[in-house]
Amino acid sequence: MDGSAIIIILAIAGVVSVLLFAIKGLLDQVPDVIESASKARDSWQRFKKPDVPPPADDEEPPLAA
């Protein structure tokens, strides 16, 4: 009984450490995912509303006072 309790405690500690390692790996990826989503959203908005072309350069500048 005494040996099996130690084995169970070690097994639980091992499972918890693996879970923490996996969660840390997932949380480390969150900033990159958010940045990618932001870039995709900006790209989509530029696609939906293209920029207005700049005015032609052949117009004369305004006269100075």
C-alpha atoms as a PDB file:
ATOM      1  CA  MET A   1       0.000   0.000   0.000  1.00  0.00           C
ATOM      2  CA  ASP A   2       2.808   2.381   0.868  1.00  0.00           C
ATOM      3  CA  GLY A   3       4.624   1.895  -2.448  1.00  0.00           C
ATOM      4  CA  SER A   4       1.485   2.266  -4.540  1.00  0.00           C
ATOM      5  CA  ALA A   5       0.640   5.614  -2.917  1.00  0.00           C
ATOM      6  CA  ILE A   6       4.051   6.973  -3.911  1.00  0.00           C
ATOM      7  CA  ILE A   7       3.582   5.689  -7.469  1.00  0.00           C
ATOM      8  CA  ILE A   8       0.150   7.366  -7.682  1.00  0.00           C
ATOM      9  CA  ILE A   9       1.545  10.674  -6.370  1.00  0.00           C
ATOM     10  CA  LEU A  10       4.408  10.567  -8.889  1.00  0.00           C
ATOM     11  CA  ALA A  11       2.000   9.721 -11.718  1.00  0.00           C
ATOM     12  CA  ILE A  12      -0.281  12.626 -10.827  1.00  0.00           C
ATOM     13  CA  ALA A  13       2.692  15.001 -10.613  1.00  0.00           C
ATOM     14  CA  GLY A  14       3.890  13.802 -14.026  1.00  0.00           C
ATOM     15  CA  VAL A  15       0.482  14.334 -15.625  1.00  0.00           C
ATOM     16  CA  VAL A  16       0.194  17.800 -14.092  1.00  0.00           C
ATOM     17  CA  SER A  17       3.653  18.788 -15.334  1.00  0.00           C
ATOM     18  CA  VAL A  18       2.868  17.616 -18.873  1.00  0.00           C
ATOM     19  CA  LEU A  19      -0.422  19.530 -18.830  1.00  0.00           C
ATOM     20  CA  LEU A  20       1.317  22.689 -17.623  1.00  0.00           C
ATOM     21  CA  PHE A  21       3.937  22.330 -20.357  1.00  0.00           C
ATOM     22  CA  ALA A  22       1.217  21.941 -23.004  1.00  0.00           C
ATOM     23  CA  ILE A  23      -0.777  24.910 -21.680  1.00  0.00           C
ATOM     24  CA  LYS A  24       2.359  27.076 -21.625  1.00  0.00           C
ATOM     25  CA  GLY A  25       3.043  26.139 -25.252  1.00  0.00           C
ATOM     26  CA  LEU A  26      -0.477  27.118 -26.270  1.00  0.00           C
ATOM     27  CA  LEU A  27      -0.361  30.408 -24.368  1.00  0.00           C
ATOM     28  CA  ASP A  28       2.974  31.302 -25.972  1.00  0.00           C
ATOM     29  CA  GLN A  29       1.285  31.137 -29.371  1.00  0.00           C
ATOM     30  CA  VAL A  30      -1.611  33.464 -28.486  1.00  0.00           C
ATOM     31  CA  PRO A  31       0.196  36.781 -29.248  1.00  0.00           C
ATOM     32  CA  ASP A  32       1.232  35.506 -32.696  1.00  0.00           C
ATOM     33  CA  VAL A  33      -2.323  34.379 -33.434  1.00  0.00           C
ATOM     34  CA  ILE A  34      -3.724  37.769 -32.402  1.00  0.00           C
ATOM     35  CA  GLU A  35      -1.161  39.583 -34.557  1.00  0.00           C
ATOM     36  CA  SER A  36      -1.980  37.381 -37.553  1.00  0.00           C
ATOM     37  CA  ALA A  37      -5.702  37.953 -37.057  1.00  0.00           C
ATOM     38  CA  SER A  38      -5.103  41.705 -36.930  1.00  0.00           C
ATOM     39  CA  LYS A  39      -3.115  41.611 -40.173  1.00  0.00           C
ATOM     40  CA  ALA A  40      -5.811  39.516 -41.838  1.00  0.00           C
ATOM     41  CA  ARG A  41      -8.530  41.939 -40.685  1.00  0.00           C
ATOM     42  CA  ASP A  42      -6.581  44.952 -41.997  1.00  0.00           C
ATOM     43  CA  SER A  43      -5.991  43.189 -45.288  1.00  0.00           C
ATOM     44  CA  TRP A  44      -9.671  42.348 -45.606  1.00  0.00           C
ATOM     45  CA  GLN A  45     -10.677  45.952 -44.903  1.00  0.00           C
ATOM     46  CA  ARG A  46      -8.240  47.217 -47.563  1.00  0.00           C
ATOM     47  CA  PHE A  47      -9.721  44.685 -49.990  1.00  0.00           C
ATOM     48  CA  LYS A  48     -13.292  45.785 -49.228  1.00  0.00           C
ATOM     49  CA  LYS A  49     -12.488  49.525 -49.423  1.00  0.00           C
ATOM     50  CA  PRO A  50      -9.652  50.190 -51.861  1.00  0.00           C
ATOM     51  CA  ASP A  51      -7.768  53.448 -51.409  1.00  0.00           C
ATOM     52  CA  VAL A  52      -8.897  56.440 -53.448  1.00  0.00           C
ATOM     53  CA  PRO A  53      -6.327  57.127 -56.182  1.00  0.00           C
ATOM     54  CA  PRO A  54      -4.261  60.270 -55.573  1.00  0.00           C
ATOM     55  CA  PRO A  55      -5.134  63.363 -57.611  1.00  0.00           C
ATOM     56  CA  ALA A  56      -3.352  63.830 -60.925  1.00  0.00           C
ATOM     57  CA  ASP A  57      -0.149  65.899 -60.842  1.00  0.00           C
ATOM     58  CA  ASP A  58      -1.093  67.883 -63.958  1.00  0.00           C
ATOM     59  CA  GLU A  59      -3.240  70.289 -61.935  1.00  0.00           C
ATOM     60  CA  GLU A  60      -1.740  73.696 -61.235  1.00  0.00           C
ATOM     61  CA  PRO A  61      -0.871  74.469 -57.621  1.00  0.00           C
ATOM     62  CA  PRO A  62      -2.844  77.178 -55.815  1.00  0.00           C
ATOM     63  CA  LEU A  63      -1.558  80.737 -56.180  1.00  0.00           C
ATOM     64  CA  ALA A  64       0.358  82.261 -53.289  1.00  0.00           C
ATOM     65  CA  ALA A  65      -1.191  85.329 -51.698  1.00  0.00           C
END
